[in-house]
Amino acid sequence: MHSLKRETLLDIYESLGVKKVINARGYSTRLGGSLMVPEVVDAMRGAAGSFVRIEDLQEAAGKVIAEITRAEAGYVTSGAAASLTLGMAACMTGLDPVKMNQLPDTTGIKNEVIIQRAHRNDYDHALRAAGAQIIEVGFNYATYPYELERAIGERTAAVFFLAGNSARSLTLEEVVDIAHRWDVPVIVDAAAALPPAENLRAFIAGGADLVAISGGKHIKGPQASGILCGRRDLILAAALQHQDMDVFPETWTYRHLMRDGVLQGPPHHGIGRGLKIGKEEIVGLIVALKLYLKRDSKLELADWMRQIEMIVHGLKKIPSLQAQVIFPQPSDQPVPVAQIVVDPAKTGTTAHSVVNALQEGEPMICVYESFAAQDTIIIFPEGLQDGDAEIIISRFQKLLKA
């Protein structure tokens, strides 16, 4: 790799016949997450040049994560979804190797995770992947404390909380208060909760037992990286179900856990074995996390606002469109977006058609299409680079013949 010229590296997608994308839909896994800064790429390249014991590297990385998040312990995973699967598994098995070996069969194991209906989304499949059964409480418009309290029973392994979605549901403070009264851990999905940077610590400070955070979004680490932080015993249980456990009791790195009575013996390969993460991603995530604390959030926000305002100003010149800046978002996340309403009666087309046309053009432009059924297109600024705003405006003008 070191012998390749920079021009060749920059053209790797072209050599594969893959189109590059103008990313106007934010930190999307479908588009590769975020772009890593040179320091992260260099760190990953350096990590690729030597062998290390992964458990040693994870332990060192965990100390950094714990210090930054102020959790008891931390761990690097292959993404926030992997963090949820591992965290859920840890809540179900604790440090019992027999239960670890049994998953995803949960016969005789606490396997229920309680979720407020307003917090349900397709990402909670990551919890079910560990063998958990979801128990819904409340309605989409409200959850009452008694509903959560009455749902907790002898098979309850955890209570799940979706960050940024408490407007119509119980707050984290309420959830933690109820769950901890029954000695039940709380798992927080904070995959997309950054910015603000304060959220690296907010959920742990709020009493959560485990928090899952994406490493490949606002932190700008490797796309295949995530953070799991929280209680030391649960992080250890997650690690044991994630790492390579082709070990022998007499020579295992953590044989002191058996000597100290923490474990009966090492488990076999766990439910998270297929979620492995490489030494390069672990190092890249930690370097990105350290750099994250030094970023100028005000400057970043100003740049996002500049690009979104430029796009909205340009699109307002198209009579058939309605464009406006939305800030902050309904979730209170401090990221401005351009909201574009397509009126089929005026444009002769639909938002879905516009989305498809943007993707089929040159260069390919990808926008946030979740509200296209309501004639609305959203543009996020996080993935935009210099010159992208002008291209987006021009393409809209050509498509709608402004």
Protein backbone atom coordinates (compact mmCIF):
# COMPACT_ATOMS: atom_id res chain seq x y z
CA MET A 1 0.00 0.00 0.00
CA HIS A 2 2.85 2.38 0.79
CA SER A 3 4.12 2.03 -2.78
CA LEU A 4 0.87 3.28 -4.31
CA LYS A 5 0.83 6.85 -5.51
CA ARG A 6 -1.67 9.24 -3.99
CA GLU A 7 -3.38 9.68 -7.35
CA THR A 8 -4.01 5.94 -7.53
CA LEU A 9 -5.48 5.92 -4.02
CA LEU A 10 -7.80 8.79 -4.86
CA ASP A 11 -9.03 6.94 -7.94
CA ILE A 12 -9.70 3.60 -6.22
CA TYR A 13 -13.48 3.95 -6.56
CA GLU A 14 -13.15 4.82 -10.23
CA SER A 15 -10.99 1.75 -10.78
CA LEU A 16 -13.76 -0.36 -9.26
CA GLY A 17 -16.45 1.30 -11.33
CA VAL A 18 -18.13 2.81 -8.27
CA LYS A 19 -19.55 6.33 -8.38
CA LYS A 20 -18.57 8.83 -5.73
CA VAL A 21 -21.44 10.57 -3.93
CA ILE A 22 -22.30 14.05 -2.77
CA ASN A 23 -23.53 13.22 0.71
CA ALA A 24 -26.46 15.44 1.64
CA ARG A 25 -28.07 12.97 4.05
CA GLY A 26 -25.66 13.23 6.97
CA TYR A 27 -23.80 10.49 8.78
CA SER A 28 -25.39 7.62 6.90
CA THR A 29 -24.08 4.07 7.10
CA ARG A 30 -25.33 3.58 3.54
CA LEU A 31 -22.91 6.25 2.35
CA GLY A 32 -19.96 5.22 4.49
CA GLY A 33 -20.61 7.23 7.64
CA SER A 34 -18.25 10.20 7.93
CA LEU A 35 -14.87 11.07 6.44
CA MET A 36 -11.90 10.32 8.65
CA VAL A 37 -9.28 13.01 9.16
CA PRO A 38 -5.64 12.30 8.15
CA GLU A 39 -4.55 11.71 11.75
CA VAL A 40 -7.02 8.83 12.09
CA VAL A 41 -6.05 7.30 8.76
CA ASP A 42 -2.36 7.54 9.67
CA ALA A 43 -3.01 5.91 13.05
CA MET A 44 -4.85 3.02 11.39
CA ARG A 45 -2.04 2.60 8.89
CA GLY A 46 0.44 2.49 11.77
CA ALA A 47 -1.66 -0.05 13.66
CA ALA A 48 -1.72 -2.28 10.60
CA GLY A 49 2.05 -2.72 10.75
CA SER A 50 2.29 -4.73 13.98
CA PHE A 51 0.62 -7.57 15.83
CA VAL A 52 -0.88 -7.05 19.29
CA ARG A 53 -3.05 -9.06 21.63
CA ILE A 54 -6.53 -7.69 21.05
CA GLU A 55 -7.44 -8.00 24.72
CA ASP A 56 -4.46 -5.79 25.63
CA LEU A 57 -5.46 -3.21 23.03
CA GLN A 58 -9.10 -3.28 24.12
CA GLU A 59 -8.09 -2.82 27.74
CA ALA A 60 -5.99 0.23 26.85
CA ALA A 61 -8.73 1.64 24.65
CA GLY A 62 -11.29 1.00 27.37
CA LYS A 63 -9.35 3.17 29.79
CA VAL A 64 -9.45 6.07 27.35
CA ILE A 65 -13.18 5.61 26.76
CA ALA A 66 -13.84 5.38 30.50
CA GLU A 67 -11.89 8.56 31.17
CA ILE A 68 -13.69 10.52 28.45
CA THR A 69 -17.21 9.21 29.16
CA ARG A 70 -16.67 8.99 32.94
CA ALA A 71 -18.03 5.46 32.90
CA GLU A 72 -16.57 2.65 34.98
CA ALA A 73 -15.33 0.93 31.84
CA GLY A 74 -15.37 1.19 28.07
CA TYR A 75 -15.03 -1.03 25.05
CA VAL A 76 -14.63 -0.65 21.27
CA THR A 77 -17.14 -2.50 19.10
CA SER A 78 -17.77 -2.76 15.37
CA GLY A 79 -20.57 -0.18 15.54
CA ALA A 80 -23.40 1.04 17.73
CA ALA A 81 -25.64 -1.84 16.67
CA ALA A 82 -22.93 -4.27 17.75
CA SER A 83 -22.75 -2.38 21.05
CA LEU A 84 -26.47 -2.96 21.58
CA THR A 85 -26.21 -6.67 20.79
CA LEU A 86 -23.23 -7.13 23.10
CA GLY A 87 -24.77 -4.96 25.81
CA MET A 88 -28.02 -6.89 25.69
CA ALA A 89 -26.14 -10.18 25.85
CA ALA A 90 -24.19 -8.94 28.87
CA CYS A 91 -27.41 -8.02 30.67
CA MET A 92 -28.85 -11.47 30.03
CA THR A 93 -25.83 -13.56 30.99
CA GLY A 94 -23.88 -11.52 33.50
CA LEU A 95 -20.57 -13.31 34.06
CA ASP A 96 -22.04 -16.81 33.79
CA PRO A 97 -20.12 -18.70 31.06
CA VAL A 98 -22.84 -21.36 30.79
CA LYS A 99 -25.40 -18.70 29.85
CA MET A 100 -22.91 -17.12 27.46
CA ASN A 101 -22.45 -20.43 25.69
CA GLN A 102 -26.21 -20.92 25.47
CA LEU A 103 -27.13 -17.70 23.63
CA PRO A 104 -29.13 -17.03 21.51
CA ASP A 105 -31.16 -19.79 23.19
CA THR A 106 -32.55 -18.04 26.26
CA THR A 107 -34.32 -20.98 27.88
CA GLY A 108 -34.13 -20.44 31.63
CA ILE A 109 -32.40 -17.06 31.21
CA LYS A 110 -33.78 -13.59 31.87
CA ASN A 111 -34.37 -12.43 28.32
CA GLU A 112 -36.93 -9.62 28.34
CA VAL A 113 -36.02 -6.05 27.46
CA ILE A 114 -38.67 -3.41 28.12
CA ILE A 115 -39.02 -0.61 25.55
CA GLN A 116 -41.42 2.29 25.47
CA ARG A 117 -43.48 2.12 22.29
CA ALA A 118 -42.35 5.62 21.33
CA HIS A 119 -38.76 4.32 21.41
CA ARG A 120 -39.29 1.42 19.00
CA ASN A 121 -37.39 1.51 15.71
CA ASP A 122 -35.85 -0.97 13.32
CA TYR A 123 -32.46 -0.69 15.05
CA ASP A 124 -33.76 -2.54 18.10
CA HIS A 125 -33.32 -5.68 15.99
CA ALA A 126 -29.81 -5.53 17.46
CA LEU A 127 -31.31 -6.38 20.86
CA ARG A 128 -33.32 -9.28 19.47
CA ALA A 129 -30.20 -10.58 17.71
CA ALA A 130 -28.80 -11.50 21.13
CA GLY A 131 -31.91 -13.56 21.87
CA ALA A 132 -33.87 -10.91 23.75
CA GLN A 133 -37.64 -10.62 23.68
CA ILE A 134 -39.02 -7.09 23.45
CA ILE A 135 -41.78 -6.06 25.83
CA GLU A 136 -43.53 -2.85 24.78
CA VAL A 137 -45.03 -0.41 27.27
CA GLY A 138 -47.02 2.76 26.74
CA PHE A 139 -48.33 4.21 23.51
CA ASN A 140 -46.78 6.30 20.76
CA TYR A 141 -48.09 9.47 22.40
CA ALA A 142 -47.30 8.78 26.07
CA THR A 143 -45.88 6.35 28.61
CA TYR A 144 -46.81 6.47 32.29
CA PRO A 145 -44.48 5.39 35.09
CA TYR A 146 -46.81 2.64 36.30
CA GLU A 147 -46.70 1.00 32.86
CA LEU A 148 -42.94 0.52 33.06
CA GLU A 149 -43.03 -0.51 36.71
CA ARG A 150 -45.74 -3.13 36.19
CA ALA A 151 -43.88 -4.60 33.18
CA ILE A 152 -40.78 -5.42 35.20
CA GLY A 153 -40.76 -9.05 36.28
CA GLU A 154 -38.56 -12.03 37.00
CA ARG A 155 -37.58 -12.39 33.33
CA THR A 156 -36.63 -8.72 32.85
CA ALA A 157 -32.99 -8.43 31.82
CA ALA A 158 -32.88 -4.73 30.92
CA VAL A 159 -34.80 -1.58 30.09
CA PHE A 160 -33.96 0.14 26.81
CA PHE A 161 -33.92 3.90 26.25
CA LEU A 162 -33.58 5.68 22.89
CA ALA A 163 -31.66 8.94 23.25
CA GLY A 164 -33.28 12.06 21.86
CA ASN A 165 -36.80 10.64 21.88
CA SER A 166 -38.28 11.57 25.25
CA ALA A 167 -40.85 14.19 24.21
CA ARG A 168 -43.75 11.72 24.38
CA SER A 169 -42.26 9.23 26.81
CA LEU A 170 -40.62 8.76 30.18
CA THR A 171 -37.35 10.60 30.61
CA LEU A 172 -34.07 8.82 31.25
CA GLU A 173 -34.20 10.01 34.86
CA GLU A 174 -37.63 8.39 35.32
CA VAL A 175 -36.58 5.18 33.56
CA VAL A 176 -33.40 4.85 35.63
CA ASP A 177 -35.26 5.52 38.86
CA ILE A 178 -37.83 2.80 38.20
CA ALA A 179 -35.43 0.23 36.74
CA HIS A 180 -32.85 0.58 39.48
CA ARG A 181 -35.49 0.16 42.15
CA TRP A 182 -35.83 -3.37 40.79
CA ASP A 183 -32.07 -3.79 40.19
CA VAL A 184 -32.57 -3.84 36.42
CA PRO A 185 -29.91 -2.25 34.17
CA VAL A 186 -30.73 0.46 31.62
CA ILE A 187 -29.27 0.39 28.10
CA VAL A 188 -29.17 3.66 26.15
CA ASP A 189 -28.96 3.78 22.37
CA ALA A 190 -27.03 7.01 21.82
CA ALA A 191 -25.78 6.07 18.35
CA ALA A 192 -26.84 9.36 16.80
CA ALA A 193 -26.83 11.54 19.93
CA LEU A 194 -23.72 13.50 18.93
CA PRO A 195 -23.54 16.46 18.72
CA PRO A 196 -23.45 17.91 21.32
CA ALA A 197 -20.19 16.51 22.63
CA GLU A 198 -21.55 16.69 26.17
CA ASN A 199 -23.65 13.62 25.37
CA LEU A 200 -20.52 11.48 25.59
CA ARG A 201 -21.00 11.82 29.35
CA ALA A 202 -24.63 12.84 29.81
CA PHE A 203 -26.24 9.39 29.77
CA ILE A 204 -23.71 7.82 32.12
CA ALA A 205 -24.13 10.84 34.38
CA GLY A 206 -27.89 10.28 34.14
CA GLY A 207 -27.55 6.78 35.59
CA ALA A 208 -27.47 4.56 32.50
CA ASP A 209 -25.72 1.23 33.00
CA LEU A 210 -24.66 0.82 29.36
CA VAL A 211 -24.46 3.36 26.55
CA ALA A 212 -23.97 2.59 22.86
CA ILE A 213 -22.41 5.31 20.67
CA SER A 214 -21.46 5.23 16.99
CA GLY A 215 -17.80 5.75 16.22
CA GLY A 216 -18.27 6.43 12.53
CA LYS A 217 -20.64 9.40 12.71
CA HIS A 218 -19.87 12.72 14.42
CA ILE A 219 -16.76 11.35 16.13
CA LYS A 220 -15.39 10.67 12.60
CA GLY A 221 -13.76 7.40 13.49
CA PRO A 222 -13.82 4.29 11.29
CA GLN A 223 -17.32 3.51 10.03
CA ALA A 224 -17.06 -0.03 11.44
CA SER A 225 -16.48 1.18 15.00
CA GLY A 226 -18.58 1.96 18.03
CA ILE A 227 -18.39 2.53 21.76
CA LEU A 228 -19.96 0.58 24.58
CA CYS A 229 -19.41 2.16 27.99
CA GLY A 230 -20.88 1.66 31.42
CA ARG A 231 -20.71 -0.71 34.38
CA ARG A 232 -17.45 -2.59 34.68
CA ASP A 233 -19.07 -6.02 35.17
CA LEU A 234 -21.32 -5.60 32.14
CA ILE A 235 -18.47 -4.40 29.93
CA LEU A 236 -16.46 -7.47 30.96
CA ALA A 237 -19.41 -9.72 30.13
CA ALA A 238 -19.70 -8.04 26.73
CA ALA A 239 -15.97 -8.45 26.06
CA LEU A 240 -16.04 -12.15 26.92
CA GLN A 241 -18.83 -12.67 24.39
CA HIS A 242 -17.04 -10.67 21.70
CA GLN A 243 -13.37 -11.56 21.73
CA ASP A 244 -11.64 -14.60 20.32
CA MET A 245 -12.15 -17.23 23.03
CA ASP A 246 -10.07 -19.98 21.47
CA VAL A 247 -8.22 -20.13 24.79
CA PHE A 248 -7.20 -22.62 27.48
CA PRO A 249 -7.71 -22.06 31.22
CA GLU A 250 -4.04 -22.66 32.02
CA THR A 251 -2.70 -20.05 29.60
CA TRP A 252 -5.59 -17.62 29.17
CA THR A 253 -4.72 -13.93 29.56
CA TYR A 254 -7.53 -13.49 32.09
CA ARG A 255 -6.98 -16.67 34.09
CA HIS A 256 -6.85 -14.49 37.21
CA LEU A 257 -10.64 -14.13 36.87
CA MET A 258 -10.95 -17.84 37.65
CA ARG A 259 -8.43 -17.63 40.45
CA ASP A 260 -10.35 -14.73 41.97
CA GLY A 261 -13.69 -16.52 41.67
CA VAL A 262 -15.15 -14.08 39.14
CA LEU A 263 -15.57 -16.81 36.51
CA GLN A 264 -15.92 -20.57 36.67
CA GLY A 265 -13.91 -20.78 33.48
CA PRO A 266 -13.59 -19.14 30.07
CA PRO A 267 -16.67 -19.31 27.86
CA HIS A 268 -16.47 -20.53 24.28
CA HIS A 269 -16.92 -18.18 21.32
CA GLY A 270 -19.86 -15.93 22.15
CA ILE A 271 -22.83 -14.34 20.43
CA GLY A 272 -20.61 -11.43 19.38
CA ARG A 273 -17.88 -13.46 17.68
CA GLY A 274 -19.16 -12.41 14.26
CA LEU A 275 -19.01 -8.75 15.32
CA LYS A 276 -15.21 -8.74 15.57
CA ILE A 277 -13.28 -5.49 15.23
CA GLY A 278 -9.72 -5.16 14.01
CA LYS A 279 -6.76 -3.54 15.69
CA GLU A 280 -6.84 -0.80 13.05
CA GLU A 281 -10.42 0.21 13.88
CA ILE A 282 -9.75 0.17 17.62
CA VAL A 283 -6.77 2.50 17.24
CA GLY A 284 -8.59 4.69 14.71
CA LEU A 285 -11.59 5.10 17.00
CA ILE A 286 -9.47 6.06 20.00
CA VAL A 287 -7.47 8.63 18.03
CA ALA A 288 -10.71 10.08 16.61
CA LEU A 289 -12.25 10.20 20.08
CA LYS A 290 -9.31 12.12 21.50
CA LEU A 291 -9.42 14.55 18.58
CA TYR A 292 -13.15 14.94 19.02
CA LEU A 293 -12.67 16.70 22.34
CA LYS A 294 -10.48 19.32 20.64
CA ARG A 295 -12.91 20.16 17.83
CA ASP A 296 -14.38 23.67 17.63
CA SER A 297 -18.12 22.95 17.76
CA LYS A 298 -19.05 26.62 17.21
CA LEU A 299 -16.95 26.83 14.07
CA GLU A 300 -18.36 23.53 12.84
CA LEU A 301 -21.94 24.72 13.42
CA ALA A 302 -21.22 27.99 11.63
CA ASP A 303 -19.93 26.09 8.59
CA TRP A 304 -22.98 23.82 8.58
CA MET A 305 -25.28 26.84 8.82
CA ARG A 306 -23.45 28.61 5.99
CA GLN A 307 -23.93 25.67 3.64
CA ILE A 308 -27.57 25.05 4.58
CA GLU A 309 -28.45 28.74 4.23
CA MET A 310 -26.73 28.82 0.85
CA ILE A 311 -28.78 25.84 -0.34
CA VAL A 312 -32.06 27.26 0.98
CA HIS A 313 -31.34 30.67 -0.58
CA GLY A 314 -30.65 29.04 -3.94
CA LEU A 315 -33.69 26.79 -3.86
CA LYS A 316 -36.03 29.63 -2.89
CA LYS A 317 -35.45 30.96 -6.41
CA ILE A 318 -37.31 27.92 -7.76
CA PRO A 319 -40.99 28.98 -7.68
CA SER A 320 -42.33 25.43 -7.42
CA LEU A 321 -40.37 24.64 -4.24
CA GLN A 322 -40.66 25.75 -0.63
CA ALA A 323 -37.34 25.72 1.19
CA GLN A 324 -36.48 26.74 4.73
CA VAL A 325 -33.80 26.29 7.37
CA ILE A 326 -34.83 24.16 10.35
CA PHE A 327 -32.73 24.74 13.46
CA PRO A 328 -32.64 23.22 15.93
CA GLN A 329 -34.21 19.97 14.81
CA PRO A 330 -37.41 18.69 16.49
CA SER A 331 -35.17 16.35 18.51
CA ASP A 332 -33.24 19.45 19.74
CA GLN A 333 -30.09 18.17 18.06
CA PRO A 334 -27.94 21.21 17.18
CA VAL A 335 -27.63 20.49 13.46
CA PRO A 336 -29.32 22.78 10.89
CA VAL A 337 -31.14 21.17 7.97
CA ALA A 338 -32.71 22.37 4.74
CA GLN A 339 -36.36 21.34 4.50
CA ILE A 340 -37.58 21.27 0.90
CA VAL A 341 -41.25 20.79 0.09
CA VAL A 342 -42.06 19.58 -3.42
CA ASP A 343 -45.56 20.46 -4.59
CA PRO A 344 -46.56 17.88 -7.25
CA ALA A 345 -49.27 20.21 -8.58
CA LYS A 346 -46.67 22.91 -9.32
CA THR A 347 -43.68 20.75 -10.26
CA GLY A 348 -45.42 17.97 -12.14
CA THR A 349 -43.31 15.50 -10.18
CA THR A 350 -43.05 13.98 -6.71
CA ALA A 351 -40.44 14.13 -4.00
CA HIS A 352 -39.66 10.46 -4.61
CA SER A 353 -38.99 11.19 -8.28
CA VAL A 354 -36.72 14.09 -7.38
CA VAL A 355 -34.78 11.89 -4.93
CA ASN A 356 -34.32 9.22 -7.61
CA ALA A 357 -33.28 11.78 -10.24
CA LEU A 358 -30.65 13.22 -7.90
CA GLN A 359 -29.22 9.75 -7.34
CA GLU A 360 -29.26 8.86 -11.02
CA GLY A 361 -27.49 12.04 -12.13
CA GLU A 362 -23.82 12.90 -12.38
CA PRO A 363 -22.46 13.39 -9.81
CA MET A 364 -24.74 11.26 -7.68
CA ILE A 365 -26.46 13.28 -4.93
CA CYS A 366 -28.01 11.46 -1.97
CA VAL A 367 -30.50 13.28 0.27
CA TYR A 368 -32.56 12.25 3.30
CA GLU A 369 -35.72 10.74 1.89
CA SER A 370 -37.61 9.51 4.96
CA PHE A 371 -40.28 12.21 4.54
CA ALA A 372 -40.60 12.00 0.76
CA ALA A 373 -44.04 10.41 1.13
CA GLN A 374 -45.07 13.74 2.68
CA ASP A 375 -43.57 15.62 -0.31
CA THR A 376 -40.57 16.68 1.79
CA ILE A 377 -36.86 16.28 1.16
CA ILE A 378 -34.29 16.98 3.89
CA ILE A 379 -30.68 17.97 3.36
CA PHE A 380 -28.19 17.49 6.19
CA PRO A 381 -24.87 19.39 6.17
CA GLU A 382 -22.45 17.05 7.94
CA GLY A 383 -21.22 15.26 4.81
CA LEU A 384 -21.12 18.28 2.51
CA GLN A 385 -17.76 19.41 1.18
CA ASP A 386 -16.70 22.67 -0.43
CA GLY A 387 -18.56 23.21 -3.70
CA ASP A 388 -21.29 20.66 -2.98
CA ALA A 389 -23.93 23.26 -2.13
CA GLU A 390 -23.58 24.93 -5.52
CA ILE A 391 -23.87 21.59 -7.32
CA ILE A 392 -27.00 20.68 -5.36
CA ILE A 393 -28.66 24.00 -6.22
CA SER A 394 -27.77 23.64 -9.90
CA ARG A 395 -29.15 20.11 -10.08
CA PHE A 396 -32.46 21.12 -8.48
CA GLN A 397 -32.72 23.98 -10.96
CA LYS A 398 -32.13 21.68 -13.93
CA LEU A 399 -34.54 19.02 -12.65
CA LEU A 400 -37.31 21.53 -12.06
CA LYS A 401 -36.33 23.73 -15.01
CA ALA A 402 -36.06 26.89 -12.93
